[in-house]
Amino acid sequence: MYGSYGVSDDAERTAFRRAEKKYKVYYDDSKSSKKKKQLKQVDLSEVVDFKAILRSFNQSGEVPPGTFALQCDFDRPVFCIENRPGFYFIPDALTVEEQGRWIRESLISFPQPYNRTNHNAIYGPIRDLFMAAKERKILVEEEDSSGGLDSLSNSSITNMDAERWKFYEENTVSSRGSTCKSISASVLLRKLRWSTLGLQFDWSKRNYNVSLPHNKIPDALCDLAKEMAAPAMSKGKVFQPEAAIVNYFGLGDMLGGHLDDMEADWTKPIVSMSLGCKAIFLLGGKSRDDPPLAMFVRSGDVVLMAGEARECFHGVPRIFTDQENAEIAPLELMFSHEDDVCFLEYIRSSRININIRQVF
């Protein structure tokens, strides 16, 4: 995301930037080995582990200094950080079945038009990307759009670009030669970085564009978000999900330090659900110069940020895709059926984050 850091001294960077550099993926640059590039080791000793905190709390009722268990009517433990009011961590909040469901939806349904993705700017809205990747299809730019395309059978585009791009079988593209611009659906799937549900966020203007057509957030996801938001809500208040951003991460991807500050009422939480490979989440302060706290987020964990925590910089500098650290064995078992092999292949090297907001 940031490119090369160059030769500038660490002292010239903010505390948040230094933490990002500490935890991001680096490879061993040794030229003596012809083997596959090896990841450099990273010191994880200072990363907060709420899974371990939950285990200790269930056994003894104790939590480490600086954290506390929220006293509320929620049906599972909720942990807070003393110097980050408005931040809530719910470890293992989602069942494996719920995780599997929302992984499927994130790959099949959520990138569908009218929802927008990072691919819209180049290819227009793409329909049925996951199925096209599963079937090893190729997205091709048509040389002559005058003939039109069948908008029902194999259509990939739904607006004014409808006559420019279309999915074809791999052998069909090979027989046409190399004169057309093309890209495989599997590559596009791996390059999928975000999709937006509900009210659409305009990334260029950094605000919500209520005039854009959009698909409604599924009722089941709304209900789940309302349930998870409860620990951060005032008594008698109900969270109203109006928009969601789904982020997709692969090895080496990161989400730089940022604020989510375009919603009208910051007392309402952002509900953030983690799916897939384990990651490191950085929670900073109101300035990038405030040293951030690093913590593991695993599949099924839910994070809430409300009130003062909405003013805190946060980001994801790293995900873990190796078998030892990804911690996705329950998901691998769930997706072990032959029909689910595409989900299994994807989630073994990916993380998905669904963050849901009340806009107004």
Protein backbone atom coordinates (compact mmCIF):
# COMPACT_ATOMS: atom_id res chain seq x y z
CA MET A 1 0.00 0.00 0.00
CA TYR A 2 2.76 2.40 0.84
CA GLY A 3 5.48 1.29 -1.55
CA SER A 4 9.11 1.52 -0.54
CA TYR A 5 10.06 3.12 2.74
CA GLY A 6 13.37 4.28 1.30
CA VAL A 7 16.23 5.20 3.61
CA SER A 8 14.47 7.61 5.98
CA ASP A 9 15.11 6.97 9.66
CA ASP A 10 12.42 5.36 11.83
CA ALA A 11 12.41 8.45 14.03
CA GLU A 12 10.98 10.44 11.13
CA ARG A 13 7.93 8.17 10.89
CA THR A 14 4.86 8.28 13.10
CA ALA A 15 4.38 5.68 15.81
CA PHE A 16 1.58 4.10 13.80
CA ARG A 17 3.75 3.87 10.70
CA ARG A 18 6.56 2.25 12.68
CA ALA A 19 4.13 -0.37 14.00
CA GLU A 20 2.91 -1.06 10.47
CA LYS A 21 6.48 -1.57 9.34
CA LYS A 22 7.20 -3.85 12.30
CA TYR A 23 4.36 -6.27 11.53
CA LYS A 24 4.02 -6.14 7.73
CA VAL A 25 5.15 -9.03 5.55
CA TYR A 26 8.81 -9.06 4.52
CA TYR A 27 10.73 -11.77 2.69
CA ASP A 28 14.23 -13.02 3.33
CA ASP A 29 16.30 -11.29 0.64
CA SER A 30 19.10 -13.84 0.77
CA LYS A 31 20.23 -14.61 -2.78
CA SER A 32 22.03 -17.79 -1.80
CA SER A 33 18.87 -19.87 -1.84
CA LYS A 34 16.98 -20.86 -4.98
CA LYS A 35 14.06 -22.14 -2.96
CA LYS A 36 10.71 -20.39 -2.58
CA LYS A 37 11.03 -17.03 -0.87
CA GLN A 38 10.86 -17.37 2.90
CA LEU A 39 8.98 -14.97 5.15
CA LYS A 40 11.11 -13.08 7.62
CA GLN A 41 10.35 -13.84 11.23
CA VAL A 42 8.46 -11.18 13.18
CA ASP A 43 8.41 -10.59 16.93
CA LEU A 44 4.83 -11.19 18.09
CA SER A 45 5.53 -11.06 21.82
CA GLU A 46 3.73 -7.72 22.27
CA VAL A 47 0.58 -8.68 20.34
CA VAL A 48 -2.51 -8.92 22.57
CA ASP A 49 -4.19 -12.32 22.29
CA PHE A 50 -7.86 -12.18 23.25
CA LYS A 51 -8.20 -15.92 22.63
CA ALA A 52 -5.77 -16.51 25.49
CA ILE A 53 -7.51 -13.82 27.55
CA LEU A 54 -10.85 -15.56 27.00
CA ARG A 55 -9.37 -18.91 28.04
CA SER A 56 -7.94 -17.40 31.23
CA PHE A 57 -11.17 -15.55 31.99
CA ASN A 58 -13.26 -18.72 31.60
CA GLN A 59 -10.91 -20.62 33.89
CA SER A 60 -10.25 -18.09 36.63
CA GLY A 61 -12.26 -14.95 35.94
CA GLU A 62 -9.03 -12.98 35.62
CA VAL A 63 -7.87 -10.71 32.79
CA PRO A 64 -4.49 -9.01 32.17
CA PRO A 65 -3.80 -5.49 33.44
CA GLY A 66 -5.18 -2.82 31.12
CA THR A 67 -8.16 -4.92 30.03
CA PHE A 68 -11.49 -5.71 31.66
CA ALA A 69 -14.55 -7.83 31.01
CA LEU A 70 -17.64 -5.74 30.31
CA GLN A 71 -20.51 -6.22 32.74
CA CYS A 72 -23.56 -6.52 30.50
CA ASP A 73 -26.40 -8.84 29.51
CA PHE A 74 -24.59 -10.14 26.42
CA ASP A 75 -24.53 -13.92 26.14
CA ARG A 76 -20.73 -14.22 25.83
CA PRO A 77 -17.68 -12.41 27.25
CA VAL A 78 -16.91 -8.95 25.91
CA PHE A 79 -13.50 -7.40 26.62
CA CYS A 80 -12.52 -3.74 26.72
CA ILE A 81 -9.26 -1.81 26.94
CA GLU A 82 -8.97 0.72 29.75
CA ASN A 83 -7.32 3.49 27.73
CA ARG A 84 -9.47 2.98 24.62
CA PRO A 85 -13.06 3.73 25.70
CA GLY A 86 -15.62 2.65 23.13
CA PHE A 87 -13.58 -0.32 21.91
CA TYR A 88 -15.06 -3.80 22.42
CA PHE A 89 -13.60 -7.18 21.49
CA ILE A 90 -15.84 -10.25 21.31
CA PRO A 91 -13.63 -13.31 20.70
CA ASP A 92 -15.12 -16.33 18.96
CA ALA A 93 -18.42 -14.47 18.55
CA LEU A 94 -19.54 -16.27 15.39
CA THR A 95 -20.10 -19.99 15.11
CA VAL A 96 -18.23 -21.92 12.43
CA GLU A 97 -21.52 -22.28 10.56
CA GLU A 98 -22.04 -18.51 10.62
CA GLN A 99 -18.48 -17.94 9.44
CA GLY A 100 -18.98 -20.34 6.55
CA ARG A 101 -22.23 -18.70 5.55
CA TRP A 102 -20.79 -15.20 5.40
CA ILE A 103 -17.65 -16.34 3.60
CA ARG A 104 -19.90 -17.80 0.90
CA GLU A 105 -21.99 -14.63 0.74
CA SER A 106 -18.88 -12.43 0.62
CA LEU A 107 -17.59 -14.30 -2.41
CA ILE A 108 -20.83 -15.04 -4.29
CA SER A 109 -23.42 -12.40 -3.41
CA PHE A 110 -21.73 -9.31 -2.02
CA PRO A 111 -19.68 -8.42 -5.15
CA GLN A 112 -22.82 -8.59 -7.31
CA PRO A 113 -24.15 -5.40 -8.96
CA TYR A 114 -25.57 -3.00 -7.87
CA ASN A 115 -22.97 -3.39 -5.16
CA ARG A 116 -19.73 -1.72 -6.23
CA THR A 117 -16.24 -3.22 -6.05
CA ASN A 118 -12.71 -2.02 -6.75
CA HIS A 119 -13.08 -3.58 -10.24
CA ASN A 120 -15.82 -1.17 -11.33
CA ALA A 121 -13.40 1.57 -12.36
CA ILE A 122 -11.76 -0.60 -15.04
CA TYR A 123 -14.23 -3.34 -15.97
CA GLY A 124 -17.59 -1.97 -14.89
CA PRO A 125 -19.77 -4.00 -12.55
CA ILE A 126 -18.96 -7.70 -12.92
CA ARG A 127 -21.63 -10.31 -12.36
CA ASP A 128 -20.99 -13.84 -11.04
CA LEU A 129 -17.23 -13.40 -10.58
CA PHE A 130 -16.80 -16.30 -8.17
CA MET A 131 -18.67 -18.75 -10.39
CA ALA A 132 -16.67 -17.57 -13.41
CA ALA A 133 -13.44 -18.19 -11.49
CA LYS A 134 -14.69 -21.61 -10.46
CA GLU A 135 -15.38 -22.42 -14.12
CA ARG A 136 -12.00 -20.98 -15.21
CA LYS A 137 -13.54 -18.39 -17.48
CA ILE A 138 -11.83 -15.38 -19.03
CA LEU A 139 -13.16 -11.81 -19.05
CA VAL A 140 -12.66 -10.38 -22.54
CA GLU A 141 -13.03 -6.87 -23.89
CA GLU A 142 -15.09 -7.10 -27.07
CA GLU A 143 -13.42 -5.72 -30.20
CA ASP A 144 -16.73 -4.86 -31.83
CA SER A 145 -19.58 -4.01 -29.50
CA SER A 146 -22.15 -3.46 -32.24
CA GLY A 147 -23.26 -7.07 -32.16
CA GLY A 148 -24.32 -6.86 -28.53
CA LEU A 149 -24.24 -9.59 -25.91
CA ASP A 150 -26.72 -11.95 -24.44
CA SER A 151 -27.62 -10.14 -21.22
CA LEU A 152 -29.14 -13.19 -19.60
CA SER A 153 -27.07 -16.30 -20.27
CA ASN A 154 -23.50 -15.26 -19.60
CA SER A 155 -23.63 -11.54 -18.96
CA SER A 156 -20.90 -10.05 -16.78
CA ILE A 157 -21.67 -6.35 -17.09
CA THR A 158 -24.89 -4.50 -16.34
CA ASN A 159 -24.54 -0.83 -17.29
CA MET A 160 -23.20 1.20 -20.22
CA ASP A 161 -20.14 -1.08 -20.37
CA ALA A 162 -22.45 -4.03 -21.09
CA GLU A 163 -21.18 -4.39 -24.63
CA ARG A 164 -17.48 -4.13 -23.78
CA TRP A 165 -16.76 -7.07 -21.48
CA LYS A 166 -17.96 -10.63 -21.34
CA PHE A 167 -16.91 -13.92 -19.75
CA TYR A 168 -15.88 -16.67 -22.18
CA GLU A 169 -14.75 -20.24 -21.84
CA GLU A 170 -10.96 -20.54 -21.80
CA ASN A 171 -10.80 -22.56 -25.02
CA THR A 172 -12.98 -20.00 -26.82
CA VAL A 173 -10.58 -17.20 -25.94
CA SER A 174 -7.60 -19.28 -27.10
CA SER A 175 -9.21 -19.87 -30.49
CA ARG A 176 -9.81 -16.13 -30.97
CA GLY A 177 -6.12 -15.29 -30.69
CA SER A 178 -4.49 -12.60 -28.56
CA THR A 179 -5.86 -9.42 -30.14
CA CYS A 180 -8.39 -8.74 -27.37
CA LYS A 181 -7.71 -7.48 -23.88
CA SER A 182 -8.49 -10.23 -21.40
CA ILE A 183 -7.98 -11.32 -17.82
CA SER A 184 -8.87 -14.57 -16.08
CA ALA A 185 -11.71 -14.60 -13.60
CA SER A 186 -9.45 -16.30 -11.04
CA VAL A 187 -7.00 -13.37 -11.22
CA LEU A 188 -9.85 -10.89 -10.84
CA LEU A 189 -11.11 -12.79 -7.81
CA ARG A 190 -7.67 -12.62 -6.22
CA LYS A 191 -7.53 -8.90 -6.99
CA LEU A 192 -10.90 -8.25 -5.39
CA ARG A 193 -10.17 -5.85 -2.53
CA TRP A 194 -13.54 -4.45 -1.49
CA SER A 195 -17.26 -4.43 -2.13
CA THR A 196 -19.94 -2.17 -0.68
CA LEU A 197 -23.39 -3.20 0.53
CA GLY A 198 -26.42 -1.07 1.28
CA LEU A 199 -25.85 2.67 0.91
CA GLN A 200 -22.88 3.05 -1.42
CA PHE A 201 -19.71 4.80 -0.31
CA ASP A 202 -18.11 7.11 -2.87
CA TRP A 203 -14.38 6.57 -2.39
CA SER A 204 -13.41 9.54 -4.56
CA LYS A 205 -15.46 12.01 -2.52
CA ARG A 206 -15.25 10.10 0.79
CA ASN A 207 -18.96 10.24 1.50
CA TYR A 208 -22.12 8.20 1.04
CA ASN A 209 -23.97 8.73 -2.22
CA VAL A 210 -27.59 7.95 -1.43
CA SER A 211 -28.55 8.45 -5.09
CA LEU A 212 -26.61 5.39 -6.25
CA PRO A 213 -28.67 2.22 -6.75
CA HIS A 214 -27.74 -0.51 -4.30
CA ASN A 215 -28.64 -3.94 -3.02
CA LYS A 216 -30.18 -4.13 0.44
CA ILE A 217 -28.04 -5.60 3.21
CA PRO A 218 -29.41 -9.12 3.78
CA ASP A 219 -31.86 -9.30 6.67
CA ALA A 220 -29.88 -12.09 8.32
CA LEU A 221 -26.71 -9.96 8.30
CA CYS A 222 -28.65 -6.98 9.69
CA ASP A 223 -30.02 -9.13 12.50
CA LEU A 224 -26.55 -10.47 13.29
CA ALA A 225 -25.06 -6.96 13.30
CA LYS A 226 -27.80 -5.70 15.63
CA GLU A 227 -27.12 -8.59 17.99
CA MET A 228 -23.36 -8.02 17.99
CA ALA A 229 -23.70 -4.23 18.40
CA ALA A 230 -25.69 -4.53 21.63
CA PRO A 231 -22.74 -4.19 24.08
CA ALA A 232 -21.87 -0.78 22.57
CA MET A 233 -25.43 0.57 22.45
CA SER A 234 -27.12 2.77 25.05
CA LYS A 235 -30.03 1.22 26.89
CA GLY A 236 -33.16 1.25 24.75
CA LYS A 237 -31.27 2.06 21.55
CA VAL A 238 -31.10 -0.30 18.56
CA PHE A 239 -28.36 -0.35 15.94
CA GLN A 240 -29.66 0.25 12.40
CA PRO A 241 -27.40 -1.29 9.73
CA GLU A 242 -27.46 0.91 6.63
CA ALA A 243 -24.14 0.27 4.88
CA ALA A 244 -21.31 -2.24 4.91
CA ILE A 245 -17.85 -2.47 3.40
CA VAL A 246 -16.38 -5.90 2.77
CA ASN A 247 -12.57 -6.01 2.64
CA TYR A 248 -10.68 -8.90 1.05
CA PHE A 249 -7.05 -9.60 2.03
CA GLY A 250 -4.38 -11.91 0.61
CA LEU A 251 -0.83 -12.55 1.79
CA GLY A 252 1.10 -9.30 1.79
CA ASP A 253 -2.04 -7.14 1.67
CA MET A 254 -2.52 -4.52 4.34
CA LEU A 255 -5.03 -1.85 5.31
CA GLY A 256 -3.20 1.31 6.26
CA GLY A 257 -3.99 3.37 9.33
CA HIS A 258 -7.19 5.33 8.88
CA LEU A 259 -10.34 6.69 10.52
CA ASP A 260 -13.93 5.69 9.73
CA ASP A 261 -15.40 9.14 10.19
CA MET A 262 -18.05 9.67 7.51
CA GLU A 263 -21.06 8.45 9.50
CA ALA A 264 -23.28 11.04 11.19
CA ASP A 265 -23.47 9.60 14.73
CA TRP A 266 -20.22 8.27 16.16
CA THR A 267 -21.95 6.97 19.26
CA LYS A 268 -23.20 4.14 17.03
CA PRO A 269 -20.60 1.42 16.60
CA ILE A 270 -18.91 0.02 13.56
CA VAL A 271 -19.48 -3.73 13.74
CA SER A 272 -16.45 -5.53 12.31
CA MET A 273 -16.56 -9.29 11.67
CA SER A 274 -13.41 -11.27 10.85
CA LEU A 275 -13.50 -14.32 8.57
CA GLY A 276 -10.70 -16.56 7.35
CA CYS A 277 -7.00 -16.32 8.14
CA LYS A 278 -5.77 -14.71 11.36
CA ALA A 279 -4.53 -11.13 11.15
CA ILE A 280 -2.94 -8.40 13.24
CA PHE A 281 -5.14 -5.40 14.01
CA LEU A 282 -3.58 -2.12 15.11
CA LEU A 283 -5.59 0.17 17.37
CA GLY A 284 -3.96 3.57 17.76
CA GLY A 285 -5.04 6.83 19.30
CA LYS A 286 -6.41 10.11 18.00
CA SER A 287 -3.04 10.95 16.43
CA ARG A 288 -0.78 8.83 14.26
CA ASP A 289 1.93 9.70 16.76
CA ASP A 290 0.15 7.69 19.47
CA PRO A 291 1.71 4.20 19.73
CA PRO A 292 -0.89 1.65 18.59
CA LEU A 293 -1.81 -1.54 20.39
CA ALA A 294 -1.42 -4.69 18.27
CA MET A 295 -3.85 -7.58 18.68
CA PHE A 296 -4.70 -10.81 16.88
CA VAL A 297 -8.07 -11.06 15.14
CA ARG A 298 -9.21 -14.55 14.18
CA SER A 299 -12.04 -15.96 12.15
CA GLY A 300 -15.24 -15.48 14.12
CA ASP A 301 -14.01 -12.53 16.20
CA VAL A 302 -16.10 -9.35 16.30
CA VAL A 303 -14.76 -5.87 17.06
CA LEU A 304 -16.94 -2.87 17.94
CA MET A 305 -15.74 0.73 17.74
CA ALA A 306 -18.03 3.45 19.11
CA GLY A 307 -17.76 6.85 20.74
CA GLU A 308 -14.15 7.87 21.43
CA ALA A 309 -12.85 4.75 19.70
CA ARG A 310 -14.27 6.08 16.43
CA GLU A 311 -11.59 8.79 16.63
CA CYS A 312 -8.76 6.24 16.88
CA PHE A 313 -6.56 5.37 13.91
CA HIS A 314 -6.65 1.67 13.11
CA GLY A 315 -5.46 -0.70 10.41
CA VAL A 316 -4.39 -4.23 9.45
CA PRO A 317 -0.68 -4.57 8.62
CA ARG A 318 -0.56 -8.34 8.19
CA ILE A 319 -2.49 -11.56 7.70
CA PHE A 320 -1.12 -15.05 8.36
CA THR A 321 -1.64 -17.68 5.68
CA ASP A 322 0.80 -20.39 6.80
CA GLN A 323 -0.75 -23.50 8.29
CA GLU A 324 0.77 -22.92 11.73
CA ASN A 325 -0.55 -19.39 12.20
CA ALA A 326 -3.67 -19.04 10.01
CA GLU A 327 -5.81 -20.95 12.55
CA ILE A 328 -8.59 -21.94 10.16
CA ALA A 329 -8.80 -25.69 10.78
CA PRO A 330 -12.57 -25.59 11.56
CA LEU A 331 -13.21 -23.76 8.27
CA GLU A 332 -11.04 -26.21 6.35
CA LEU A 333 -13.15 -29.04 7.76
CA MET A 334 -16.36 -27.23 6.86
CA PHE A 335 -15.21 -26.65 3.27
CA SER A 336 -13.70 -30.12 2.84
CA HIS A 337 -16.59 -31.36 0.68
CA GLU A 338 -15.77 -31.66 -3.01
CA ASP A 339 -18.36 -29.02 -3.94
CA ASP A 340 -16.65 -26.51 -1.64
CA VAL A 341 -13.09 -26.87 -2.90
CA CYS A 342 -13.10 -23.34 -4.40
CA PHE A 343 -14.07 -21.83 -1.05
CA LEU A 344 -11.38 -23.92 0.63
CA GLU A 345 -8.68 -22.82 -1.81
CA TYR A 346 -9.65 -19.18 -1.39
CA ILE A 347 -9.92 -19.04 2.39
CA ARG A 348 -6.65 -20.90 2.98
CA SER A 349 -4.80 -17.81 1.81
CA SER A 350 -7.27 -15.00 2.52
CA ARG A 351 -9.04 -12.97 5.12
CA ILE A 352 -12.43 -11.29 4.75
CA ASN A 353 -13.65 -8.48 6.96
CA ILE A 354 -17.27 -7.30 6.98
CA ASN A 355 -17.74 -3.95 8.71
CA ILE A 356 -21.27 -2.68 9.11
CA ARG A 357 -22.33 0.89 9.88
CA GLN A 358 -25.30 3.02 10.75
CA VAL A 359 -24.88 5.98 8.42
CA PHE A 360 -27.49 8.43 9.76
